N, C-alpha and C. Protein backbone atom coordinates (compact mmCIF):
# COMPACT_ATOMS: atom_id res chain seq x y z
N MET A 1 -11.13 30.10 50.63
CA MET A 1 -12.28 30.59 51.71
C MET A 1 -11.63 30.73 52.97
N PRO A 2 -12.52 31.70 53.71
CA PRO A 2 -12.11 31.63 55.37
C PRO A 2 -13.17 30.82 55.93
N TYR A 3 -13.00 30.36 57.15
CA TYR A 3 -13.35 29.50 57.79
C TYR A 3 -13.67 30.08 59.23
N ALA A 4 -14.28 30.05 59.96
CA ALA A 4 -14.53 30.59 61.00
C ALA A 4 -13.45 29.38 62.16
N LEU A 5 -12.89 30.33 63.18
CA LEU A 5 -12.58 29.22 63.87
C LEU A 5 -13.45 28.23 64.78
N GLY A 6 -12.89 27.15 64.77
CA GLY A 6 -14.16 26.39 65.70
C GLY A 6 -13.24 25.01 65.75
N ASP A 7 -14.27 24.04 66.68
CA ASP A 7 -13.50 22.98 66.80
C ASP A 7 -12.94 22.03 66.26
N LEU A 8 -11.67 21.73 65.66
CA LEU A 8 -11.48 20.90 64.94
C LEU A 8 -11.09 19.45 65.12
N TYR A 9 -11.61 19.23 66.46
CA TYR A 9 -11.65 17.55 66.62
C TYR A 9 -13.30 16.67 67.21
N THR A 10 -14.21 17.77 67.02
CA THR A 10 -15.27 17.20 67.33
C THR A 10 -16.67 17.24 66.43
N GLY A 11 -16.93 15.92 65.97
CA GLY A 11 -18.18 15.76 65.23
C GLY A 11 -19.44 16.19 66.58
N LYS A 12 -20.56 15.51 65.32
CA LYS A 12 -21.67 15.18 65.94
C LYS A 12 -21.78 13.86 67.14
N LEU A 13 -20.82 12.70 66.35
CA LEU A 13 -21.01 11.32 66.73
C LEU A 13 -19.65 10.96 67.66
N ALA A 14 -18.93 11.15 67.58
CA ALA A 14 -17.58 11.44 67.91
C ALA A 14 -16.60 12.61 68.00
N ARG A 15 -15.25 12.30 69.02
CA ARG A 15 -14.56 13.40 68.89
C ARG A 15 -12.77 12.36 68.37
N LEU A 16 -12.05 13.52 67.83
CA LEU A 16 -10.39 13.03 67.83
C LEU A 16 -9.50 13.26 68.90
N THR A 17 -9.40 12.33 69.75
CA THR A 17 -8.40 12.70 70.64
C THR A 17 -6.71 12.08 70.24
N ALA A 18 -6.53 12.51 71.41
CA ALA A 18 -4.26 11.90 71.79
C ALA A 18 -4.72 10.19 71.73
N PRO A 19 -3.65 9.61 71.62
CA PRO A 19 -3.40 8.15 72.03
C PRO A 19 -2.87 8.15 73.47
N LEU A 20 -3.45 7.87 74.31
CA LEU A 20 -3.67 7.28 75.38
C LEU A 20 -2.80 5.61 75.87
N SER A 21 -2.29 5.63 76.49
CA SER A 21 -1.27 4.62 76.71
C SER A 21 -2.48 3.28 77.46
N ASP A 22 -3.66 3.73 77.38
CA ASP A 22 -4.71 2.91 78.48
C ASP A 22 -5.39 2.43 76.75
N ASP A 23 -5.04 2.74 76.12
CA ASP A 23 -6.05 2.12 74.57
C ASP A 23 -4.89 1.05 74.31
N LYS A 24 -3.78 0.77 74.58
CA LYS A 24 -3.28 -0.59 74.23
C LYS A 24 -3.90 -2.00 74.22
N ASP A 25 -5.01 -1.73 75.18
CA ASP A 25 -5.49 -3.12 75.30
C ASP A 25 -6.71 -3.16 74.80
N ALA A 26 -7.27 -2.19 74.05
CA ALA A 26 -8.42 -2.38 72.88
C ALA A 26 -7.41 -2.84 71.44
N LEU A 27 -6.72 -2.12 71.74
CA LEU A 27 -5.96 -2.31 70.01
C LEU A 27 -5.11 -3.58 69.97
N ALA A 28 -4.90 -4.44 70.95
CA ALA A 28 -4.55 -5.53 71.65
C ALA A 28 -5.58 -6.55 70.98
N ARG A 29 -6.82 -6.24 71.70
CA ARG A 29 -8.29 -6.90 71.69
C ARG A 29 -8.44 -6.73 69.70
N TRP A 30 -8.48 -5.76 69.27
CA TRP A 30 -8.47 -5.33 68.14
C TRP A 30 -7.60 -6.17 67.36
N SER A 31 -6.56 -6.58 67.63
CA SER A 31 -5.78 -7.18 66.73
C SER A 31 -5.91 -8.89 66.68
N ASN A 32 -6.97 -9.33 67.11
CA ASN A 32 -7.47 -10.29 66.94
C ASN A 32 -8.85 -10.75 66.46
N ASP A 33 -9.04 -9.47 66.04
CA ASP A 33 -10.41 -9.31 65.03
C ASP A 33 -9.80 -9.29 63.82
N ALA A 34 -10.31 -10.68 63.33
CA ALA A 34 -9.71 -11.11 61.77
C ALA A 34 -10.24 -10.14 60.75
N GLU A 35 -11.29 -10.08 60.63
CA GLU A 35 -11.91 -9.46 60.25
C GLU A 35 -11.37 -7.67 59.67
N PHE A 36 -11.73 -7.26 61.30
CA PHE A 36 -10.76 -5.87 61.52
C PHE A 36 -9.46 -5.63 60.78
N GLN A 37 -8.91 -6.30 60.94
CA GLN A 37 -7.05 -6.71 60.27
C GLN A 37 -7.35 -7.02 59.12
N ARG A 38 -7.89 -7.63 58.46
CA ARG A 38 -7.76 -8.10 57.35
C ARG A 38 -8.50 -6.75 56.16
N LEU A 39 -8.77 -5.67 56.78
CA LEU A 39 -9.48 -5.02 55.48
C LEU A 39 -8.76 -3.34 56.02
N LEU A 40 -7.81 -3.89 56.59
CA LEU A 40 -6.80 -2.46 56.63
C LEU A 40 -5.72 -2.87 56.55
N PHE A 41 -4.93 -3.93 56.25
CA PHE A 41 -3.53 -4.53 56.54
C PHE A 41 -3.25 -5.44 55.12
N MET A 42 -2.18 -5.04 54.25
CA MET A 42 -1.74 -5.63 53.06
C MET A 42 -1.21 -6.97 53.65
N ARG A 43 -0.44 -6.71 54.41
CA ARG A 43 0.24 -7.60 55.04
C ARG A 43 -0.34 -8.61 55.68
N SER A 44 0.00 -9.90 56.12
CA SER A 44 -0.34 -11.24 57.07
C SER A 44 -0.25 -10.34 58.47
N VAL A 45 -1.41 -10.82 58.71
CA VAL A 45 -1.99 -10.03 60.15
C VAL A 45 -1.92 -11.27 61.16
N ARG A 46 -1.73 -10.50 62.57
CA ARG A 46 -1.78 -11.96 64.06
C ARG A 46 -2.18 -11.17 64.59
N PRO A 47 -2.55 -11.94 65.68
CA PRO A 47 -2.56 -10.91 66.63
C PRO A 47 -1.30 -10.18 67.60
N GLN A 48 -1.28 -9.54 68.42
CA GLN A 48 -0.41 -8.35 68.66
C GLN A 48 -0.66 -8.22 70.11
N ALA A 49 0.39 -8.34 71.51
CA ALA A 49 0.21 -8.12 72.88
C ALA A 49 -0.28 -6.84 73.12
N PRO A 50 -0.25 -5.93 74.18
CA PRO A 50 -0.64 -4.73 74.22
C PRO A 50 0.77 -4.01 74.35
N ASP A 51 1.76 -4.71 74.82
CA ASP A 51 3.11 -4.15 74.75
C ASP A 51 3.79 -3.81 73.65
N PHE A 52 3.01 -4.38 72.12
CA PHE A 52 3.25 -4.27 70.57
C PHE A 52 2.91 -2.45 70.52
N PHE A 53 2.15 -2.01 70.87
CA PHE A 53 1.59 -0.89 70.62
C PHE A 53 2.33 0.46 71.51
N THR A 54 2.54 1.17 70.85
CA THR A 54 3.50 2.22 71.34
C THR A 54 2.84 3.93 71.01
N LEU A 55 3.05 4.85 71.95
CA LEU A 55 2.36 5.69 71.85
C LEU A 55 3.19 6.63 70.78
N PRO A 56 2.85 7.45 69.87
CA PRO A 56 3.43 8.20 68.99
C PRO A 56 4.55 9.24 69.75
N LYS A 57 5.91 9.28 69.20
CA LYS A 57 6.47 10.42 69.86
C LYS A 57 6.52 11.25 68.85
N PRO A 58 7.39 12.67 69.88
CA PRO A 58 6.86 13.86 68.76
C PRO A 58 7.82 14.30 67.73
N GLU A 59 9.10 13.64 67.26
CA GLU A 59 9.69 13.24 65.75
C GLU A 59 8.78 12.59 65.32
N ASP A 60 7.96 11.66 65.66
CA ASP A 60 7.25 11.25 64.50
C ASP A 60 6.35 11.71 63.58
N GLU A 61 5.84 13.17 64.01
CA GLU A 61 4.84 14.16 64.00
C GLU A 61 5.09 14.41 62.45
N SER A 62 6.61 14.57 62.14
CA SER A 62 7.05 14.71 60.71
C SER A 62 6.55 13.48 59.35
N LYS A 63 6.31 13.00 60.25
CA LYS A 63 5.84 11.23 59.46
C LYS A 63 4.54 10.55 59.80
N TYR A 64 4.13 11.25 60.38
CA TYR A 64 2.36 10.81 60.67
C TYR A 64 1.71 11.47 61.87
N ILE A 65 0.23 11.37 61.69
CA ILE A 65 -0.27 12.07 62.50
C ILE A 65 -1.18 11.40 63.21
N THR A 66 -1.58 10.45 64.68
CA THR A 66 -2.47 9.95 64.76
C THR A 66 -3.58 10.32 66.04
N PHE A 67 -4.81 10.33 65.73
CA PHE A 67 -5.92 10.54 66.59
C PHE A 67 -6.65 8.90 66.98
N HIS A 68 -7.21 9.29 67.94
CA HIS A 68 -7.80 8.12 68.38
C HIS A 68 -9.45 8.60 68.88
N ILE A 69 -10.52 7.80 68.08
CA ILE A 69 -11.74 7.98 67.92
C ILE A 69 -12.26 7.55 68.99
N ARG A 70 -12.73 8.33 69.79
CA ARG A 70 -13.86 8.25 71.07
C ARG A 70 -15.39 8.73 70.67
N THR A 71 -16.61 8.30 71.16
CA THR A 71 -17.95 8.27 70.90
C THR A 71 -18.01 9.36 72.10
N ASN A 72 -18.43 10.55 71.79
CA ASN A 72 -18.98 11.82 72.34
C ASN A 72 -19.91 11.15 73.63
N SER A 73 -20.90 10.73 73.45
CA SER A 73 -21.72 9.87 74.50
C SER A 73 -21.13 8.93 75.97
N GLU A 74 -20.27 8.21 75.26
CA GLU A 74 -19.46 7.55 76.26
C GLU A 74 -17.82 7.80 76.81
N ASN A 75 -17.90 8.42 75.73
CA ASN A 75 -16.52 8.55 75.82
C ASN A 75 -15.04 7.29 75.24
N LYS A 76 -16.17 6.25 74.89
CA LYS A 76 -15.62 4.59 74.69
C LYS A 76 -14.40 5.40 73.33
N PHE A 77 -13.33 4.83 73.65
CA PHE A 77 -12.19 4.57 72.50
C PHE A 77 -12.87 3.06 71.43
N ILE A 78 -13.27 3.94 70.42
CA ILE A 78 -13.60 2.95 69.04
C ILE A 78 -13.01 2.70 67.88
N GLY A 79 -11.97 3.87 67.59
CA GLY A 79 -11.09 3.53 66.35
C GLY A 79 -9.92 4.47 66.22
N PHE A 80 -9.11 4.45 65.27
CA PHE A 80 -8.07 5.55 65.34
C PHE A 80 -8.27 5.72 63.53
N VAL A 81 -7.71 6.77 63.54
CA VAL A 81 -7.30 7.63 62.36
C VAL A 81 -5.85 8.08 61.89
N THR A 82 -5.18 8.12 61.06
CA THR A 82 -3.98 8.69 60.73
C THR A 82 -3.70 9.38 59.58
N LEU A 83 -2.69 10.39 59.49
CA LEU A 83 -2.75 10.44 58.29
C LEU A 83 -1.05 10.55 58.72
N TRP A 84 -0.41 9.73 57.43
CA TRP A 84 0.73 9.00 57.27
C TRP A 84 1.30 9.40 56.00
N GLY A 85 2.59 8.72 55.83
CA GLY A 85 3.47 8.92 54.25
C GLY A 85 3.39 10.45 53.96
N ILE A 86 3.56 11.40 54.97
CA ILE A 86 3.87 12.82 54.67
C ILE A 86 4.89 13.04 54.20
N VAL A 87 4.28 14.08 52.38
CA VAL A 87 6.05 14.35 51.73
C VAL A 87 5.57 15.70 51.72
N TRP A 88 6.07 16.81 52.99
CA TRP A 88 5.72 17.95 53.27
C TRP A 88 6.09 18.83 51.80
N SER A 89 6.80 18.38 50.86
CA SER A 89 7.23 19.43 50.00
C SER A 89 6.18 19.44 49.07
N ASN A 90 5.22 18.62 48.94
CA ASN A 90 4.15 17.89 47.94
C ASN A 90 3.14 18.13 48.85
N GLN A 91 2.73 18.82 50.24
CA GLN A 91 1.72 19.03 50.78
C GLN A 91 0.38 17.87 50.55
N ALA A 92 1.16 16.30 50.98
CA ALA A 92 0.49 15.73 50.80
C ALA A 92 0.51 14.76 51.66
N ALA A 93 -0.49 13.59 51.51
CA ALA A 93 -0.53 12.38 52.83
C ALA A 93 -1.23 11.60 52.57
N LEU A 94 -1.04 10.57 52.82
CA LEU A 94 -2.32 9.22 53.00
C LEU A 94 -2.67 8.94 53.96
N LEU A 95 -3.68 8.36 54.40
CA LEU A 95 -5.16 8.29 55.69
C LEU A 95 -5.37 6.89 55.58
N ALA A 96 -5.42 6.91 56.78
CA ALA A 96 -5.87 4.84 57.14
C ALA A 96 -7.20 5.63 58.21
N VAL A 97 -7.38 4.49 58.61
CA VAL A 97 -8.59 5.00 59.33
C VAL A 97 -9.65 3.22 59.79
N GLY A 98 -10.13 3.20 60.85
CA GLY A 98 -10.49 1.75 61.00
C GLY A 98 -11.49 1.88 62.34
N ILE A 99 -12.37 1.17 62.62
CA ILE A 99 -13.17 1.73 63.81
C ILE A 99 -13.16 -0.12 64.32
N GLY A 100 -12.48 -0.46 65.41
CA GLY A 100 -12.37 -1.30 66.02
C GLY A 100 -13.01 -1.98 66.69
N GLU A 101 -13.95 -1.24 67.76
CA GLU A 101 -15.22 -1.66 68.15
C GLU A 101 -16.52 -2.10 66.98
N PRO A 102 -16.93 -3.28 66.79
CA PRO A 102 -17.70 -4.00 65.89
C PRO A 102 -18.98 -3.07 65.91
N GLU A 103 -19.43 -2.96 66.97
CA GLU A 103 -20.94 -2.52 67.06
C GLU A 103 -20.88 -1.35 66.68
N TYR A 104 -19.80 -0.26 66.19
CA TYR A 104 -19.46 0.84 66.20
C TYR A 104 -19.67 1.26 64.75
N ARG A 105 -18.88 0.17 64.11
CA ARG A 105 -18.78 -0.13 62.40
C ARG A 105 -20.08 0.20 61.84
N GLY A 106 -20.44 0.73 60.21
CA GLY A 106 -21.51 0.89 59.82
C GLY A 106 -22.65 1.68 60.31
N ARG A 107 -21.96 2.65 61.33
CA ARG A 107 -22.43 3.80 61.54
C ARG A 107 -22.53 4.96 61.86
N GLY A 108 -21.32 5.40 60.53
CA GLY A 108 -21.23 6.44 60.59
C GLY A 108 -19.95 7.26 61.11
N TYR A 109 -19.32 6.64 62.43
CA TYR A 109 -18.10 6.95 62.93
C TYR A 109 -17.02 7.25 62.37
N GLY A 110 -16.84 6.28 61.23
CA GLY A 110 -15.43 6.24 60.53
C GLY A 110 -15.44 7.19 59.30
N THR A 111 -17.19 7.66 59.05
CA THR A 111 -17.16 8.65 57.75
C THR A 111 -16.90 9.96 58.91
N GLU A 112 -17.42 10.19 59.83
CA GLU A 112 -17.32 11.55 60.62
C GLU A 112 -15.99 11.74 60.79
N ALA A 113 -14.84 10.46 61.31
CA ALA A 113 -13.75 10.84 61.90
C ALA A 113 -13.17 11.10 60.68
N THR A 114 -12.99 10.59 59.47
CA THR A 114 -12.18 10.74 58.48
C THR A 114 -12.36 12.44 57.76
N ASP A 115 -13.91 12.90 58.12
CA ASP A 115 -13.95 14.23 57.50
C ASP A 115 -13.29 14.90 58.41
N LEU A 116 -13.42 14.77 59.82
CA LEU A 116 -12.54 15.46 60.79
C LEU A 116 -11.08 15.61 60.40
N VAL A 117 -10.36 14.48 60.02
CA VAL A 117 -9.17 14.68 59.96
C VAL A 117 -8.72 14.81 58.34
N LEU A 118 -9.88 15.30 57.76
CA LEU A 118 -9.58 15.71 56.70
C LEU A 118 -9.51 17.47 56.79
N GLY A 119 -10.46 17.93 57.51
CA GLY A 119 -10.21 19.01 57.62
C GLY A 119 -9.18 19.78 58.76
N TYR A 120 -8.77 18.77 59.59
CA TYR A 120 -7.39 18.73 60.14
C TYR A 120 -6.44 19.06 59.07
N GLY A 121 -5.86 18.15 58.15
CA GLY A 121 -4.97 18.21 57.41
C GLY A 121 -4.88 19.38 56.45
N PHE A 122 -6.23 19.52 55.79
CA PHE A 122 -5.77 20.66 55.38
C PHE A 122 -6.33 22.25 55.95
N ARG A 123 -6.85 22.25 56.52
CA ARG A 123 -6.75 23.32 58.11
C ARG A 123 -5.53 23.85 58.71
N GLU A 124 -5.80 22.85 59.42
CA GLU A 124 -4.40 22.97 60.14
C GLU A 124 -2.81 22.61 59.89
N MET A 125 -2.22 21.29 59.17
CA MET A 125 -1.29 20.99 58.18
C MET A 125 -1.05 21.68 56.99
N ASN A 126 -2.39 22.26 56.51
CA ASN A 126 -1.92 22.68 55.09
C ASN A 126 -1.54 21.98 53.64
N LEU A 127 -2.29 20.99 54.31
CA LEU A 127 -2.20 19.91 53.06
C LEU A 127 -3.04 20.47 51.82
N HIS A 128 -2.39 19.56 50.69
CA HIS A 128 -3.15 20.07 49.33
C HIS A 128 -3.92 18.74 49.04
N ARG A 129 -3.46 17.81 49.41
CA ARG A 129 -3.84 16.78 48.80
C ARG A 129 -4.12 15.58 49.92
N ILE A 130 -4.74 14.56 50.25
CA ILE A 130 -4.93 13.10 50.91
C ILE A 130 -5.51 12.39 49.86
N GLY A 131 -4.39 11.08 50.26
CA GLY A 131 -4.87 10.03 49.13
C GLY A 131 -5.02 8.57 50.24
N LEU A 132 -5.35 7.71 49.83
CA LEU A 132 -5.96 6.30 50.28
C LEU A 132 -5.65 5.34 49.67
N VAL A 133 -5.79 3.97 50.33
CA VAL A 133 -6.10 2.81 49.23
C VAL A 133 -6.96 2.58 49.87
N VAL A 134 -7.56 1.48 48.94
CA VAL A 134 -8.75 0.70 49.96
C VAL A 134 -8.85 -1.00 48.93
N PHE A 135 -9.22 -1.96 50.00
CA PHE A 135 -9.65 -3.22 49.24
C PHE A 135 -10.68 -3.00 48.13
N ALA A 136 -10.62 -3.16 47.32
CA ALA A 136 -11.90 -3.16 45.90
C ALA A 136 -13.41 -4.14 46.36
N PHE A 137 -13.09 -5.05 47.22
CA PHE A 137 -14.19 -5.65 48.17
C PHE A 137 -15.21 -5.10 49.11
N ASN A 138 -13.95 -3.90 49.75
CA ASN A 138 -14.92 -3.37 50.95
C ASN A 138 -15.70 -2.17 50.51
N ALA A 139 -16.80 -2.29 49.42
CA ALA A 139 -17.79 -1.62 48.95
C ALA A 139 -18.23 -0.27 50.23
N PRO A 140 -18.44 -1.08 51.53
CA PRO A 140 -18.61 0.44 52.86
C PRO A 140 -17.91 1.09 52.55
N ALA A 141 -16.51 0.77 52.64
CA ALA A 141 -15.48 2.42 53.06
C ALA A 141 -15.36 2.76 51.27
N ILE A 142 -15.51 2.22 50.46
CA ILE A 142 -15.60 3.19 49.38
C ILE A 142 -16.35 3.74 49.27
N ARG A 143 -17.98 3.75 49.32
CA ARG A 143 -18.93 4.61 49.51
C ARG A 143 -19.05 5.40 50.27
N SER A 144 -18.35 5.63 51.84
CA SER A 144 -17.66 6.44 52.77
C SER A 144 -17.22 7.48 52.09
N TYR A 145 -15.65 6.84 51.71
CA TYR A 145 -14.96 7.83 50.93
C TYR A 145 -15.41 8.79 49.65
N GLU A 146 -16.35 8.11 48.81
CA GLU A 146 -17.04 9.24 47.82
C GLU A 146 -17.98 9.73 48.31
N LYS A 147 -18.69 9.67 49.42
CA LYS A 147 -19.93 10.13 49.95
C LYS A 147 -18.59 11.80 50.49
N LEU A 148 -17.57 11.45 51.20
CA LEU A 148 -16.78 12.55 51.19
C LEU A 148 -16.07 13.55 50.23
N GLY A 149 -16.05 13.21 49.65
CA GLY A 149 -15.39 13.31 48.09
C GLY A 149 -14.02 13.27 47.50
N PHE A 150 -13.60 11.88 48.10
CA PHE A 150 -12.95 11.21 47.19
C PHE A 150 -12.80 11.11 46.10
N VAL A 151 -12.19 10.66 45.04
CA VAL A 151 -12.11 10.72 43.38
C VAL A 151 -11.33 9.48 43.25
N ARG A 152 -11.85 8.61 42.57
CA ARG A 152 -10.84 7.37 42.39
C ARG A 152 -10.21 7.50 41.24
N GLU A 153 -8.89 7.21 41.74
CA GLU A 153 -7.32 7.55 40.59
C GLU A 153 -7.08 6.48 39.62
N GLY A 154 -7.33 5.15 40.16
CA GLY A 154 -6.86 4.29 39.69
C GLY A 154 -6.73 2.89 40.62
N ALA A 155 -6.20 2.01 40.09
CA ALA A 155 -6.29 0.24 40.30
C ALA A 155 -5.22 -0.14 40.45
N GLN A 156 -4.31 -1.08 41.36
CA GLN A 156 -3.22 -1.87 41.65
C GLN A 156 -4.07 -3.66 41.18
N ARG A 157 -3.85 -3.57 40.11
CA ARG A 157 -5.13 -5.03 39.89
C ARG A 157 -4.55 -6.19 40.58
N GLU A 158 -4.88 -7.14 40.67
CA GLU A 158 -4.78 -7.87 42.15
C GLU A 158 -3.32 -8.21 42.90
N ALA A 159 -3.48 -7.16 43.69
CA ALA A 159 -2.34 -6.82 44.03
C ALA A 159 -2.25 -7.05 46.33
N VAL A 160 -3.86 -7.38 46.27
CA VAL A 160 -4.11 -8.33 47.62
C VAL A 160 -4.58 -9.24 47.75
N TYR A 161 -4.10 -10.72 47.97
CA TYR A 161 -4.04 -11.89 48.34
C TYR A 161 -5.24 -12.39 49.83
N ARG A 162 -6.24 -12.65 49.39
CA ARG A 162 -7.15 -12.84 51.11
C ARG A 162 -7.95 -13.89 50.46
N ASP A 163 -7.97 -14.84 51.11
CA ASP A 163 -8.78 -16.09 51.07
C ASP A 163 -9.10 -16.71 49.79
N GLY A 164 -7.71 -17.18 49.47
CA GLY A 164 -7.23 -17.67 48.05
C GLY A 164 -7.70 -17.31 46.99
N ALA A 165 -7.88 -15.65 46.89
CA ALA A 165 -8.05 -15.28 45.59
C ALA A 165 -7.35 -13.28 45.59
N TYR A 166 -7.28 -13.35 44.35
CA TYR A 166 -6.28 -11.82 44.53
C TYR A 166 -7.68 -10.60 44.27
N HIS A 167 -6.97 -9.86 44.64
CA HIS A 167 -8.16 -8.50 44.81
C HIS A 167 -7.47 -7.28 44.47
N ASP A 168 -7.98 -6.14 43.55
CA ASP A 168 -7.58 -4.65 43.31
C ASP A 168 -7.41 -4.27 44.37
N LEU A 169 -6.84 -3.05 44.39
CA LEU A 169 -6.30 -2.02 45.49
C LEU A 169 -7.26 -0.97 44.47
N ILE A 170 -8.12 -0.18 45.38
CA ILE A 170 -8.36 0.86 44.87
C ILE A 170 -7.94 2.14 45.60
N GLN A 171 -7.09 3.13 44.30
CA GLN A 171 -6.11 4.46 44.63
C GLN A 171 -7.28 5.85 44.72
N MET A 172 -7.31 6.11 45.53
CA MET A 172 -8.31 7.72 45.62
C MET A 172 -7.85 8.60 46.26
N ALA A 173 -8.09 9.73 46.04
CA ALA A 173 -7.64 11.06 47.00
C ALA A 173 -8.64 12.24 46.59
N ILE A 174 -8.69 13.16 47.82
CA ILE A 174 -9.13 14.46 48.06
C ILE A 174 -8.28 15.20 47.62
N LEU A 175 -8.63 16.27 47.04
CA LEU A 175 -7.48 17.79 46.92
C LEU A 175 -8.25 18.53 48.10
N ARG A 176 -7.88 19.32 48.32
CA ARG A 176 -8.47 20.79 49.11
C ARG A 176 -9.01 21.42 48.82
N SER A 177 -9.21 21.78 47.40
CA SER A 177 -10.62 22.72 46.75
C SER A 177 -11.57 21.83 46.59
N GLU A 178 -11.54 20.47 46.49
CA GLU A 178 -12.53 19.73 46.35
C GLU A 178 -12.99 19.52 47.93
N TRP A 179 -12.35 19.70 48.52
CA TRP A 179 -13.10 19.56 50.00
C TRP A 179 -13.47 20.65 50.70
N GLU A 180 -12.96 22.01 50.22
CA GLU A 180 -13.34 23.33 50.75
C GLU A 180 -14.83 23.22 49.45
N ALA A 181 -15.00 23.22 48.44
CA ALA A 181 -16.03 22.93 47.50
C ALA A 181 -17.41 22.22 48.12
N ARG A 182 -16.89 21.32 48.81
CA ARG A 182 -17.86 20.03 49.22
C ARG A 182 -18.59 20.72 50.43
N LYS A 183 -17.49 21.59 51.56
CA LYS A 183 -17.89 22.11 52.73
C LYS A 183 -19.05 23.12 52.79
N ALA A 184 -18.41 24.17 51.39
CA ALA A 184 -19.42 25.63 51.01
C ALA A 184 -20.70 24.97 50.92
N LYS A 185 -21.14 23.68 50.46
CA LYS A 185 -22.55 23.49 50.36
C LYS A 185 -23.12 23.13 51.48
N GLU A 186 -22.27 23.04 52.35
CA GLU A 186 -23.08 22.18 53.88
C GLU A 186 -23.46 23.51 54.20
């Protein structure tokens, strides 16, 4: 289905931008937010200094594409979305998204940024499949992904240890044909 050329990067609430060196301070501040960190990473988390965060290099684009999320109203850096683990021969990638500013969580910014990066991945990168993993206890994220058309494909049982208990890791994905079908209904 042909699409009109349009803005790949801007939604109603936010837009996707290039990472800027000025963003390092916010990333370091978010690394001190245990809830934010522990919903994103399976590894043990710890605070990081601004110098820990580096800008993507052009040679990294074959492996991952990172956008920073900024509000349309204030141009405020509030999060990131990344397509990573790209396997070009399979036209497949994995997705990660995080809203670092607490007052912007649960307000649709992450869902919109995810939808924008899906459009980018399918329309600009010619991907066929975009997958992700999400902790089973992160019900708001799961609802957001399902709203966008992601399908649960399975679970890694008790794969994540948090606060004295093991939790499942849910695997989800969306195919370009599923994304196109949803977009055709909008």
